[in-house]
Amino acid sequence: MKMSFKAYYSSEIGLIEVKGTEEAILSVNFVDDKSMGSPDVPPCVKECVEQIDEYFKGKRKKFTIEIQLQGTDFQKKVWKQLMKIPYGETVSYKDIAVSIGNKKAVRAVGGANNKNKIAIIVPCHRVIGSDGDLVGFGGGLWRKEWLLRHEKVTAEID
């Protein structure tokens, strides 16, 4: 088992915990409070925190940090598809199901979204209901709404 490290970023919508190894990011999640962070974090964790900061400042629209997806083959397929959703845009759960070749997998896509451990970088917040409603986001629908509005406002800025 590889050693993992933790760092934190304080955003406008709450505290974000970044966990990673020497090689890749394992999770990016909203948390209520800091647990013990790692004294010396590897460069990839520091870089992830910097890229998240740039994202919140409207300067970064695409993440270039190495991530390690941990889940079933189906979940990984869904998460990779999520990473293709352009910044500032949304798609439905059905759109994702169709794009992975299984139009009946709408509920399973929702389940995979729910298991996403790498928030923002694997942009599950960009997936909405077929009727345009904001549904399902582990960090809370108010955060999903904030992230989508933030991306819409900053999408035009370069």
Foldseek 3Di string as FASTA:
>chain_A
DADKFWDWDQAPLAIWIWIDGLAATEFIDGDHDDDDGDPDHHPLSVVVNVQVVCVRVLNDFADDGHHDDDDDPVLVLLLVLLQPAGFLAAEELQVSCVVSPHSVCSVVSLVSLQVHRYDPNSPSLRYDHPVRHRDDDPSDSVVSVVRNVSRNVSVPPD
